[in-house]
N, C-alpha and C. Protein backbone atom coordinates (compact mmCIF):
# COMPACT_ATOMS: atom_id res chain seq x y z
N MET A 1 -33.07 -4.80 32.49
CA MET A 1 -32.80 -6.00 32.16
C MET A 1 -31.66 -5.99 30.87
N LYS A 2 -30.79 -6.94 31.04
CA LYS A 2 -29.42 -6.82 30.11
C LYS A 2 -29.78 -7.33 28.93
N ASN A 3 -29.39 -6.65 27.70
CA ASN A 3 -29.37 -7.24 26.29
C ASN A 3 -29.21 -8.76 26.12
N SER A 4 -30.08 -9.46 25.91
CA SER A 4 -29.89 -10.94 25.71
C SER A 4 -28.91 -11.39 24.72
N SER A 5 -28.68 -10.40 23.76
CA SER A 5 -27.96 -10.89 22.17
C SER A 5 -26.44 -10.84 22.71
N ILE A 6 -26.29 -9.55 23.49
CA ILE A 6 -24.80 -9.39 23.97
C ILE A 6 -24.35 -10.29 24.95
N LEU A 7 -25.21 -10.84 25.80
CA LEU A 7 -25.03 -11.98 26.81
C LEU A 7 -24.63 -12.97 26.14
N GLU A 8 -25.23 -13.47 25.04
CA GLU A 8 -25.23 -14.55 24.24
C GLU A 8 -23.65 -14.65 23.42
N PHE A 9 -23.34 -13.29 22.81
CA PHE A 9 -22.10 -13.42 22.11
C PHE A 9 -21.09 -13.46 23.23
N ALA A 10 -21.42 -13.01 24.57
CA ALA A 10 -20.17 -12.74 25.33
C ALA A 10 -19.86 -14.33 25.95
N LYS A 11 -20.93 -15.27 26.00
CA LYS A 11 -20.79 -16.55 26.38
C LYS A 11 -20.09 -17.38 25.29
N ILE A 12 -20.20 -16.99 24.14
CA ILE A 12 -19.61 -17.64 23.13
C ILE A 12 -18.10 -17.46 22.92
N ILE A 13 -17.82 -16.26 23.26
CA ILE A 13 -16.34 -15.82 22.99
C ILE A 13 -15.64 -16.20 24.57
N SER A 14 -16.25 -16.46 25.56
CA SER A 14 -15.64 -16.65 26.75
C SER A 14 -15.19 -17.95 26.78
N GLY A 15 -13.92 -18.23 27.38
CA GLY A 15 -13.40 -19.61 27.37
C GLY A 15 -11.88 -19.78 26.88
N ILE A 16 -11.39 -20.91 26.86
CA ILE A 16 -10.16 -21.32 26.30
C ILE A 16 -10.23 -22.25 24.79
N PHE A 17 -9.53 -21.51 24.01
CA PHE A 17 -9.63 -21.95 22.56
C PHE A 17 -7.99 -22.53 22.39
N SER A 18 -8.14 -23.82 21.70
CA SER A 18 -6.77 -24.48 21.47
C SER A 18 -6.71 -24.80 19.77
N ASN A 19 -5.68 -24.89 19.50
CA ASN A 19 -5.34 -25.41 17.83
C ASN A 19 -4.73 -26.82 18.07
N LYS A 20 -4.81 -27.24 18.96
CA LYS A 20 -3.66 -28.58 19.31
C LYS A 20 -3.95 -29.44 18.01
N ASP A 21 -5.14 -29.86 17.68
CA ASP A 21 -5.32 -30.68 16.55
C ASP A 21 -4.76 -30.36 15.34
N GLN A 22 -4.95 -29.15 15.16
CA GLN A 22 -4.23 -28.52 13.68
C GLN A 22 -2.54 -28.57 13.73
N ALA A 23 -2.14 -28.22 14.99
CA ALA A 23 -0.72 -28.52 15.23
C ALA A 23 -0.11 -29.87 15.25
N LEU A 24 -0.80 -30.66 15.61
CA LEU A 24 -0.30 -31.97 15.57
C LEU A 24 -0.27 -32.66 14.30
N ASN A 25 -1.51 -32.33 13.62
CA ASN A 25 -1.35 -32.62 12.09
C ASN A 25 -0.63 -32.12 11.20
N ASN A 26 -0.38 -30.89 11.65
CA ASN A 26 0.74 -30.13 10.58
C ASN A 26 1.75 -29.24 11.44
N PRO A 27 2.67 -30.06 12.01
CA PRO A 27 3.77 -29.11 13.10
C PRO A 27 4.51 -28.45 12.48
N LYS A 28 4.84 -28.81 11.12
CA LYS A 28 5.85 -27.70 10.47
C LYS A 28 5.14 -26.25 10.25
N GLU A 29 3.84 -26.35 9.76
CA GLU A 29 3.00 -25.11 9.72
C GLU A 29 2.52 -24.56 10.75
N PHE A 30 1.98 -25.14 11.77
CA PHE A 30 1.35 -24.37 12.79
C PHE A 30 2.07 -24.90 14.23
N ALA A 31 2.29 -23.95 14.81
CA ALA A 31 2.50 -24.02 16.36
C ALA A 31 1.23 -24.30 17.25
N HIS A 32 1.51 -24.87 18.23
CA HIS A 32 0.29 -25.15 19.26
C HIS A 32 0.24 -23.96 20.10
N ILE A 33 -0.96 -23.48 19.92
CA ILE A 33 -1.58 -22.13 20.62
C ILE A 33 -2.64 -22.32 21.47
N GLN A 34 -2.77 -21.56 22.51
CA GLN A 34 -4.00 -21.32 23.20
C GLN A 34 -4.39 -19.91 23.46
N ILE A 35 -5.68 -19.63 23.33
CA ILE A 35 -6.14 -18.36 23.52
C ILE A 35 -7.14 -18.41 24.57
N HIS A 36 -7.08 -17.61 25.73
CA HIS A 36 -7.80 -17.56 26.75
C HIS A 36 -8.75 -16.20 26.75
N PHE A 37 -10.02 -16.18 26.97
CA PHE A 37 -10.72 -15.09 27.24
C PHE A 37 -11.55 -15.22 28.49
N ARG A 38 -11.05 -14.59 29.35
CA ARG A 38 -11.63 -14.62 30.95
C ARG A 38 -12.67 -13.51 31.07
N PRO A 39 -13.90 -13.70 31.25
CA PRO A 39 -14.81 -12.53 31.54
C PRO A 39 -14.48 -12.05 32.82
N LEU A 40 -14.59 -10.75 33.10
CA LEU A 40 -14.18 -9.87 34.30
C LEU A 40 -15.64 -9.50 34.81
N PHE A 41 -15.60 -9.50 36.07
CA PHE A 41 -16.90 -8.73 36.50
C PHE A 41 -17.10 -7.43 36.11
N PHE A 42 -18.35 -7.03 35.84
CA PHE A 42 -18.80 -5.74 35.11
C PHE A 42 -18.36 -4.45 35.96
N LYS A 43 -18.15 -4.78 37.20
CA LYS A 43 -17.62 -3.41 38.09
C LYS A 43 -16.35 -3.17 37.83
N THR A 44 -15.57 -4.05 37.20
CA THR A 44 -13.95 -3.91 36.96
C THR A 44 -13.85 -2.73 36.38
N PHE A 45 -14.39 -2.68 35.09
CA PHE A 45 -14.38 -1.47 34.14
C PHE A 45 -15.58 -0.91 33.88
N ASN A 46 -16.70 -1.12 34.67
CA ASN A 46 -18.06 -0.44 34.37
C ASN A 46 -18.46 -0.77 32.92
N CYS A 47 -18.27 -1.97 32.46
CA CYS A 47 -18.69 -2.37 31.17
C CYS A 47 -18.52 -3.83 31.14
N TYR A 48 -18.88 -4.63 30.12
CA TYR A 48 -18.52 -6.03 29.85
C TYR A 48 -17.12 -5.85 29.46
N SER A 49 -16.28 -6.73 30.00
CA SER A 49 -14.93 -6.72 29.38
C SER A 49 -14.34 -8.26 29.82
N PHE A 50 -13.12 -8.60 29.17
CA PHE A 50 -12.31 -9.79 29.27
C PHE A 50 -10.96 -9.39 29.64
N TYR A 51 -10.25 -10.37 30.28
CA TYR A 51 -8.76 -10.17 30.18
C TYR A 51 -8.39 -11.52 29.39
N SER A 52 -7.65 -11.23 28.48
CA SER A 52 -7.10 -12.24 27.37
C SER A 52 -5.86 -12.49 27.42
N GLU A 53 -5.27 -13.67 27.18
CA GLU A 53 -3.97 -14.11 26.85
C GLU A 53 -4.08 -15.08 25.84
N GLN A 54 -2.74 -14.81 25.01
CA GLN A 54 -2.46 -15.81 23.84
C GLN A 54 -0.99 -16.42 23.95
N ARG A 55 -0.95 -17.39 24.03
CA ARG A 55 0.48 -18.07 24.32
C ARG A 55 0.81 -19.61 23.46
N TYR A 56 1.99 -19.63 23.20
CA TYR A 56 2.59 -21.11 22.66
C TYR A 56 2.37 -21.92 23.69
N GLN A 57 1.83 -23.01 23.65
CA GLN A 57 1.69 -24.11 24.71
C GLN A 57 3.01 -24.55 25.33
N HIS A 58 4.06 -24.40 24.41
CA HIS A 58 5.47 -24.98 25.10
C HIS A 58 6.05 -23.77 26.03
N ASN A 59 5.49 -22.56 26.05
CA ASN A 59 5.86 -21.56 26.92
C ASN A 59 4.94 -20.87 27.58
N ILE A 60 4.02 -21.58 28.57
CA ILE A 60 2.85 -21.00 28.96
C ILE A 60 2.92 -19.84 29.74
N TRP A 61 4.05 -19.57 30.51
CA TRP A 61 3.96 -18.34 31.31
C TRP A 61 4.71 -17.16 30.73
N ASN A 62 4.58 -17.24 29.39
CA ASN A 62 5.52 -16.15 28.57
C ASN A 62 4.47 -15.81 27.40
N PRO A 63 3.06 -15.50 27.80
CA PRO A 63 2.27 -15.20 26.72
C PRO A 63 2.61 -13.88 25.83
N TYR A 64 2.49 -14.28 24.46
CA TYR A 64 2.89 -13.25 23.34
C TYR A 64 2.02 -11.91 23.31
N ARG A 65 0.71 -12.22 23.74
CA ARG A 65 -0.31 -11.09 23.98
C ARG A 65 -1.14 -11.03 25.16
N GLN A 66 -1.16 -10.22 25.75
CA GLN A 66 -2.02 -9.83 27.14
C GLN A 66 -2.96 -8.61 26.77
N SER A 67 -4.34 -8.84 26.97
CA SER A 67 -5.05 -7.48 26.57
C SER A 67 -6.49 -7.34 27.60
N ILE A 68 -6.92 -6.19 27.57
CA ILE A 68 -8.27 -6.15 28.06
C ILE A 68 -9.04 -5.77 26.69
N ASN A 69 -10.12 -6.76 26.81
CA ASN A 69 -11.03 -6.53 25.63
C ASN A 69 -12.28 -5.99 26.12
N LYS A 70 -12.85 -4.97 25.62
CA LYS A 70 -14.20 -4.51 26.24
C LYS A 70 -15.14 -4.51 25.01
N LEU A 71 -16.36 -5.02 25.42
CA LEU A 71 -17.25 -5.43 24.58
C LEU A 71 -18.55 -4.61 24.66
N THR A 72 -19.05 -4.12 23.54
CA THR A 72 -19.98 -3.30 23.21
C THR A 72 -20.97 -3.63 22.19
N GLN A 73 -22.19 -2.89 21.95
CA GLN A 73 -23.04 -3.60 20.82
C GLN A 73 -23.57 -2.12 19.97
N GLU A 74 -23.47 -2.08 18.81
CA GLU A 74 -24.19 -0.93 18.00
C GLU A 74 -24.98 -1.57 16.95
N ASN A 75 -26.37 -1.50 17.23
CA ASN A 75 -27.31 -2.22 16.52
C ASN A 75 -27.13 -3.81 16.32
N ASP A 76 -26.63 -4.38 15.07
CA ASP A 76 -26.48 -5.60 15.26
C ASP A 76 -24.94 -6.10 15.02
N ILE A 77 -24.04 -5.15 15.44
CA ILE A 77 -22.63 -5.36 15.47
C ILE A 77 -22.12 -5.30 16.89
N PHE A 78 -21.44 -6.55 17.21
CA PHE A 78 -20.70 -6.54 18.44
C PHE A 78 -19.31 -6.16 18.51
N ILE A 79 -18.81 -5.04 19.05
CA ILE A 79 -17.47 -4.52 18.93
C ILE A 79 -16.59 -5.22 20.17
N ILE A 80 -15.47 -5.47 20.05
CA ILE A 80 -14.70 -6.17 20.72
C ILE A 80 -13.33 -5.21 20.54
N SER A 81 -13.16 -4.22 21.61
CA SER A 81 -12.18 -3.18 21.41
C SER A 81 -10.75 -3.67 22.32
N ASN A 82 -9.64 -3.44 21.83
CA ASN A 82 -8.27 -3.94 22.52
C ASN A 82 -7.75 -2.89 23.09
N HIS A 83 -7.21 -3.32 24.37
CA HIS A 83 -6.52 -2.35 25.19
C HIS A 83 -5.28 -2.81 25.92
N LYS A 84 -4.18 -2.34 25.57
CA LYS A 84 -2.88 -2.73 26.39
C LYS A 84 -2.84 -2.34 27.55
N ILE A 85 -2.12 -3.17 28.41
CA ILE A 85 -2.18 -2.94 29.86
C ILE A 85 -0.68 -2.62 30.29
N GLU A 86 -0.65 -1.52 31.21
CA GLU A 86 0.67 -1.04 31.62
C GLU A 86 1.03 -2.10 32.61
N ASN A 87 2.25 -2.44 32.60
CA ASN A 87 3.05 -3.58 33.61
C ASN A 87 2.15 -4.85 33.46
N LYS A 88 1.94 -5.33 32.25
CA LYS A 88 1.17 -6.49 31.90
C LYS A 88 1.65 -7.80 32.63
N GLU A 89 2.96 -7.62 32.60
CA GLU A 89 3.90 -8.85 33.15
C GLU A 89 3.12 -9.32 34.58
N ARG A 90 2.69 -8.40 35.46
CA ARG A 90 2.11 -8.61 36.64
C ARG A 90 0.64 -9.53 36.60
N PHE A 91 0.38 -9.60 35.60
CA PHE A 91 -0.98 -10.37 35.43
C PHE A 91 -0.78 -11.82 34.68
N THR A 92 0.34 -12.15 34.32
CA THR A 92 0.75 -13.16 33.73
C THR A 92 0.07 -14.55 34.46
N GLY A 93 -0.81 -15.34 33.91
CA GLY A 93 -1.38 -16.41 34.33
C GLY A 93 -2.69 -15.97 35.06
N GLY A 94 -3.20 -14.91 34.76
CA GLY A 94 -4.33 -14.48 35.15
C GLY A 94 -5.53 -15.43 34.47
N ALA A 95 -5.36 -15.60 33.32
CA ALA A 95 -6.18 -16.60 32.54
C ALA A 95 -6.57 -17.88 33.14
N PHE A 96 -5.45 -18.36 34.09
CA PHE A 96 -5.66 -19.50 34.89
C PHE A 96 -6.27 -19.36 36.24
N ASP A 97 -5.71 -18.24 36.99
CA ASP A 97 -5.96 -17.77 38.21
C ASP A 97 -6.78 -16.44 38.26
N MET A 98 -7.79 -16.34 38.34
CA MET A 98 -8.64 -14.99 38.19
C MET A 98 -8.16 -14.12 39.61
N SER A 99 -7.56 -14.77 40.67
CA SER A 99 -7.19 -14.05 41.82
C SER A 99 -6.11 -12.97 41.30
N LEU A 100 -5.25 -13.30 40.42
CA LEU A 100 -4.25 -12.38 40.04
C LEU A 100 -4.83 -11.20 39.31
N LEU A 101 -5.77 -11.03 38.80
CA LEU A 101 -6.51 -10.07 38.26
C LEU A 101 -7.07 -9.05 38.97
N LYS A 102 -7.16 -9.14 40.47
CA LYS A 102 -7.81 -8.53 41.52
C LYS A 102 -7.52 -6.78 41.40
N GLU A 103 -6.36 -6.48 40.96
CA GLU A 103 -5.87 -5.20 40.96
C GLU A 103 -5.71 -4.66 39.59
N ILE A 104 -6.23 -5.15 38.48
CA ILE A 104 -6.17 -4.90 37.17
C ILE A 104 -6.74 -3.46 36.88
N SER A 105 -7.75 -3.08 37.67
CA SER A 105 -8.66 -1.74 37.25
C SER A 105 -7.68 -0.70 37.58
N LYS A 106 -6.83 -1.01 38.41
CA LYS A 106 -6.03 0.27 39.14
C LYS A 106 -4.90 0.42 37.72
N HIS A 107 -4.56 -0.29 36.80
CA HIS A 107 -3.57 -0.02 36.05
C HIS A 107 -4.03 0.60 34.65
N GLU A 108 -3.27 1.55 34.21
CA GLU A 108 -3.60 2.19 32.95
C GLU A 108 -3.68 1.38 31.87
N LEU A 109 -4.82 1.50 31.19
CA LEU A 109 -5.10 0.84 29.86
C LEU A 109 -4.76 1.92 28.35
N HIS A 110 -4.47 1.46 27.74
CA HIS A 110 -4.25 1.97 26.24
C HIS A 110 -4.75 1.47 25.07
N LYS A 111 -5.87 2.13 24.61
CA LYS A 111 -6.72 1.49 23.49
C LYS A 111 -5.89 1.53 22.36
N ARG A 112 -5.99 0.47 21.62
CA ARG A 112 -5.20 0.27 20.34
C ARG A 112 -6.22 0.80 19.21
N ASP A 113 -6.23 2.20 18.84
CA ASP A 113 -7.10 2.73 17.88
C ASP A 113 -7.05 2.08 16.35
N GLY A 114 -8.33 2.04 16.05
CA GLY A 114 -8.43 1.44 14.77
C GLY A 114 -8.21 -0.01 14.59
N CYS A 115 -8.26 -0.63 15.95
CA CYS A 115 -7.84 -2.19 15.92
C CYS A 115 -9.02 -3.20 16.58
N SER A 116 -10.30 -2.47 16.68
CA SER A 116 -11.53 -2.91 17.25
C SER A 116 -11.81 -4.15 16.20
N MET A 117 -12.32 -4.99 16.78
CA MET A 117 -13.14 -6.08 16.08
C MET A 117 -14.41 -5.95 16.06
N HIS A 118 -15.12 -5.93 14.52
CA HIS A 118 -16.44 -6.04 14.53
C HIS A 118 -17.16 -7.37 14.23
N PHE A 119 -18.07 -7.72 15.10
CA PHE A 119 -18.58 -9.18 14.80
C PHE A 119 -20.16 -8.87 14.39
N LYS A 120 -20.50 -9.70 13.51
CA LYS A 120 -21.91 -9.96 13.19
C LYS A 120 -22.29 -11.21 12.97
N GLU A 121 -23.63 -11.47 13.47
CA GLU A 121 -24.05 -12.82 13.49
C GLU A 121 -24.77 -13.29 11.91
N ASN A 122 -23.84 -13.99 11.24
CA ASN A 122 -24.10 -14.11 9.73
C ASN A 122 -25.27 -15.61 9.68
N ASP A 123 -25.23 -16.09 10.49
CA ASP A 123 -25.96 -17.60 10.52
C ASP A 123 -26.34 -17.57 12.00
N PRO A 124 -27.25 -18.16 12.42
CA PRO A 124 -27.60 -18.26 13.75
C PRO A 124 -26.44 -18.88 14.73
N GLY A 125 -26.01 -18.45 15.57
CA GLY A 125 -24.94 -18.95 16.65
C GLY A 125 -23.61 -18.68 16.01
N ASN A 126 -23.51 -18.30 14.59
CA ASN A 126 -22.23 -18.07 14.01
C ASN A 126 -21.83 -16.68 13.74
N TYR A 127 -20.74 -16.16 14.08
CA TYR A 127 -20.27 -14.75 13.98
C TYR A 127 -19.18 -14.61 13.10
N LEU A 128 -19.19 -13.74 12.33
CA LEU A 128 -18.10 -13.27 11.32
C LEU A 128 -17.45 -11.70 11.89
N GLY A 129 -16.19 -11.82 12.13
CA GLY A 129 -15.62 -10.48 12.69
C GLY A 129 -14.44 -10.14 11.73
N ASN A 130 -14.32 -8.65 11.67
CA ASN A 130 -13.24 -8.26 11.07
C ASN A 130 -12.80 -6.85 11.62
N ILE A 131 -11.51 -6.46 11.19
CA ILE A 131 -11.25 -5.03 11.87
C ILE A 131 -12.10 -3.97 11.55
N GLU A 132 -12.18 -3.03 12.41
CA GLU A 132 -13.20 -2.04 12.12
C GLU A 132 -13.16 -1.29 10.74
N PRO A 133 -14.16 -1.14 10.15
CA PRO A 133 -14.07 -0.55 8.85
C PRO A 133 -13.41 1.05 8.69
N GLU A 134 -12.74 1.36 7.77
CA GLU A 134 -12.41 2.93 7.31
C GLU A 134 -11.45 3.27 8.21
N LYS A 135 -10.57 2.40 9.32
CA LYS A 135 -9.66 2.91 9.94
C LYS A 135 -8.48 1.68 9.83
N LYS A 136 -7.20 2.42 10.14
CA LYS A 136 -6.15 1.73 10.04
C LYS A 136 -5.70 1.10 11.43
N CYS A 137 -5.48 -0.08 11.43
CA CYS A 137 -4.88 -0.78 12.69
C CYS A 137 -3.16 -1.27 12.31
N TYR A 138 -2.34 -0.57 13.15
CA TYR A 138 -0.92 -0.83 12.97
C TYR A 138 -0.32 -1.67 14.11
N ILE A 139 0.71 -2.51 13.72
CA ILE A 139 1.53 -2.94 14.45
C ILE A 139 2.96 -2.87 14.08
N GLN A 140 3.86 -2.83 15.05
CA GLN A 140 5.22 -2.61 14.71
C GLN A 140 5.81 -3.79 14.73
N ARG A 141 6.41 -4.58 13.93
CA ARG A 141 7.16 -5.71 13.81
C ARG A 141 8.52 -5.44 13.32
N GLY A 142 9.50 -5.33 14.38
CA GLY A 142 10.79 -5.02 14.28
C GLY A 142 10.82 -3.70 13.79
N LYS A 143 11.68 -3.35 12.76
CA LYS A 143 11.76 -2.04 12.29
C LYS A 143 10.62 -1.54 11.58
N GLU A 144 9.39 -2.54 11.27
CA GLU A 144 8.56 -2.22 10.25
C GLU A 144 7.19 -2.03 10.94
N LYS A 145 6.52 -0.77 10.13
CA LYS A 145 5.57 -0.77 10.82
C LYS A 145 4.35 -1.13 9.97
N THR A 146 3.55 -1.94 10.27
CA THR A 146 2.72 -2.62 9.42
C THR A 146 1.03 -2.47 9.47
N ILE A 147 0.37 -2.61 8.34
CA ILE A 147 -1.17 -2.45 8.54
C ILE A 147 -1.45 -3.94 8.67
N VAL A 148 -2.51 -4.23 9.61
CA VAL A 148 -2.88 -5.51 10.10
C VAL A 148 -4.42 -5.71 9.46
N LYS A 149 -4.42 -7.00 8.93
CA LYS A 149 -5.84 -7.31 8.41
C LYS A 149 -6.03 -8.49 9.28
N SER A 150 -7.32 -8.80 9.81
CA SER A 150 -7.61 -9.66 10.49
C SER A 150 -9.12 -10.06 10.19
N GLN A 151 -9.45 -11.61 10.35
CA GLN A 151 -10.69 -11.92 10.12
C GLN A 151 -10.88 -13.21 11.04
N VAL A 152 -11.85 -13.21 11.77
CA VAL A 152 -12.46 -14.34 12.76
C VAL A 152 -13.82 -14.85 12.53
N LEU A 153 -13.81 -16.15 12.36
CA LEU A 153 -15.16 -17.14 12.49
C LEU A 153 -15.51 -17.52 13.74
N LEU A 154 -16.31 -17.37 14.52
CA LEU A 154 -16.48 -17.80 15.65
C LEU A 154 -17.87 -18.35 15.83
N ASN A 155 -17.93 -19.52 16.81
CA ASN A 155 -19.35 -19.99 17.32
C ASN A 155 -18.83 -20.63 18.58
N GLU A 156 -20.02 -21.47 19.22
CA GLU A 156 -19.63 -21.79 20.34
C GLU A 156 -18.80 -22.98 20.58
N LYS A 157 -18.34 -23.63 19.54
CA LYS A 157 -17.31 -24.78 19.51
C LYS A 157 -16.00 -24.23 19.00
N SER A 158 -15.79 -23.42 18.22
CA SER A 158 -14.71 -23.03 17.65
C SER A 158 -14.33 -21.53 17.26
N LEU A 159 -13.07 -21.30 16.94
CA LEU A 159 -12.60 -19.91 16.54
C LEU A 159 -11.71 -20.03 15.55
N ILE A 160 -12.00 -19.40 14.44
CA ILE A 160 -10.87 -19.58 13.35
C ILE A 160 -10.53 -18.23 12.93
N SER A 161 -9.21 -17.98 12.97
CA SER A 161 -8.59 -16.61 12.93
C SER A 161 -7.61 -16.69 11.87
N GLU A 162 -7.34 -15.47 11.20
CA GLU A 162 -6.21 -15.30 10.17
C GLU A 162 -5.96 -13.68 10.39
N ASP A 163 -4.46 -13.50 10.92
CA ASP A 163 -4.09 -12.28 10.89
C ASP A 163 -2.87 -12.18 10.02
N SER A 164 -2.51 -11.01 9.44
CA SER A 164 -1.44 -10.81 8.75
C SER A 164 -1.15 -9.24 8.54
N GLY A 165 -0.09 -9.00 8.49
CA GLY A 165 0.66 -7.67 8.07
C GLY A 165 1.15 -7.47 6.99
N TYR A 166 0.88 -5.86 6.43
CA TYR A 166 1.23 -5.47 5.11
C TYR A 166 2.33 -4.08 5.36
N GLU A 167 3.10 -3.99 4.33
CA GLU A 167 3.96 -2.81 4.08
C GLU A 167 2.95 -1.84 4.11
N ILE A 168 3.08 -0.58 4.47
CA ILE A 168 2.29 0.38 4.26
C ILE A 168 2.25 0.97 2.99
N GLU A 169 3.33 1.15 2.56
CA GLU A 169 3.45 1.71 0.78
C GLU A 169 3.06 0.87 0.13
N THR A 170 3.54 -0.34 0.10
CA THR A 170 3.38 -1.37 -1.18
C THR A 170 2.32 -2.29 -0.87
N MET A 171 1.77 -2.55 0.39
CA MET A 171 0.62 -3.46 0.66
C MET A 171 1.33 -4.79 0.60
N LYS A 172 2.58 -5.19 0.60
CA LYS A 172 3.25 -6.17 0.46
C LYS A 172 2.96 -7.05 1.84
N LYS A 173 2.82 -8.29 1.71
CA LYS A 173 2.70 -9.10 3.07
C LYS A 173 4.00 -9.17 3.49
N ILE A 174 4.02 -8.94 4.94
CA ILE A 174 5.02 -8.87 5.91
C ILE A 174 5.28 -10.12 6.63
N TRP A 175 4.01 -10.32 7.33
CA TRP A 175 4.02 -11.40 8.29
C TRP A 175 2.67 -12.01 8.26
N GLY A 176 2.40 -12.99 8.70
CA GLY A 176 1.26 -13.89 8.96
C GLY A 176 1.37 -15.29 8.17
N SER A 177 0.41 -16.05 8.48
CA SER A 177 0.55 -17.33 8.00
C SER A 177 0.34 -17.63 6.41
N ASP A 178 1.39 -18.46 6.09
CA ASP A 178 1.37 -18.79 4.65
C ASP A 178 0.42 -20.15 4.51
N PHE A 179 -0.01 -20.65 5.31
CA PHE A 179 -0.47 -21.98 5.23
C PHE A 179 -2.02 -21.88 5.49
N GLY A 180 -2.89 -20.89 5.63
CA GLY A 180 -4.06 -20.61 5.77
C GLY A 180 -4.28 -20.17 7.43
N PRO A 181 -5.71 -20.11 7.73
CA PRO A 181 -6.04 -19.56 9.08
C PRO A 181 -5.87 -20.71 10.20
N LEU A 182 -5.67 -20.10 11.38
CA LEU A 182 -5.52 -21.15 12.64
C LEU A 182 -6.77 -21.31 13.01
N VAL A 183 -6.92 -22.82 13.14
CA VAL A 183 -8.29 -23.23 13.73
C VAL A 183 -8.17 -23.87 15.10
N PHE A 184 -9.00 -23.12 15.93
CA PHE A 184 -9.10 -23.29 17.43
C PHE A 184 -10.55 -24.10 17.74
N LYS A 185 -10.47 -24.98 18.85
CA LYS A 185 -11.37 -25.57 19.19
C LYS A 185 -11.59 -25.04 20.78
N LYS A 186 -13.06 -24.83 21.03
CA LYS A 186 -13.06 -24.17 22.42
C LYS A 186 -13.01 -25.56 23.30
N ILE A 187 -12.12 -25.56 24.50
CA ILE A 187 -11.73 -26.79 25.07
C ILE A 187 -12.12 -26.37 26.59
N LYS A 188 -12.51 -25.23 26.99
CA LYS A 188 -13.17 -25.08 28.36
C LYS A 188 -14.05 -23.64 28.22
N ASN A 189 -15.20 -23.54 29.04
CA ASN A 189 -16.15 -22.46 29.13
C ASN A 189 -15.54 -21.68 30.17
N PHE A 190 -15.83 -20.57 30.08
CA PHE A 190 -15.76 -19.43 31.28
C PHE A 190 -16.93 -18.63 31.48
N ASP A 191 -18.05 -19.16 31.04
CA ASP A 191 -19.36 -18.43 30.85
C ASP A 191 -20.36 -18.71 32.17
N HIS A 192 -19.83 -19.22 33.11
CA HIS A 192 -20.69 -19.72 34.25
C HIS A 192 -21.28 -18.58 34.95
N PHE A 193 -20.61 -17.20 34.85
CA PHE A 193 -21.32 -16.22 35.66
C PHE A 193 -21.77 -15.03 34.65
N ILE A 194 -21.95 -15.44 33.30
CA ILE A 194 -22.40 -14.50 32.34
C ILE A 194 -24.12 -14.78 32.26
N ASP A 195 -24.92 -13.80 32.85
CA ASP A 195 -26.25 -13.85 32.69
C ASP A 195 -26.68 -12.43 33.08
N GLU A 196 -28.17 -12.38 33.34
CA GLU A 196 -28.73 -11.01 33.47
C GLU A 196 -28.12 -10.54 34.61
N ASN A 197 -27.43 -11.11 35.51
CA ASN A 197 -27.01 -10.46 36.97
C ASN A 197 -25.21 -10.51 36.73
N TRP A 198 -24.78 -10.68 35.41
CA TRP A 198 -23.37 -10.23 35.44
C TRP A 198 -22.92 -8.93 35.99
N GLU A 199 -22.38 -8.90 36.89
CA GLU A 199 -21.73 -7.67 37.34
C GLU A 199 -20.71 -7.85 38.20
């Protein structure tokens, strides 16, 4: 029998999240973005996993992030690891059409060390996520290698996230929103086959 708590978390994170309302209300400060978390069959990578795409709504066929996210649990912490996909362009649109992901398990993945998100349920149905403690998550932005900070608030209706990057030596902020976090609403569920028989 599968752990019911990890299944519940998987259901909450599965789906399409959009910050359309935020972008319409503050178009100068926030672009319209969608995040897709598409659950994969357990047998794809022999674990709970998701294919994710993030895109600007005006450029839906050119996502700026494509990843495989693997889900595990350690005590009361839910861990989402991030993996780059070789030749990721072949799977663009997989968030809309799962048939495009049939061959994804044959492509090599590269884990982003230090960049897993750790989620903990701080209130019933509400999860707070932060980058894994005591490790460094690095992202190259142009010529600058930056340290990433990230925090996510998640429940069945919304996802609120704030990412920023800092210069390694001075910890001066290099990138990230100057207007606060991105506020996404869940506009579609992908949780219809997440249950005790998810395989």
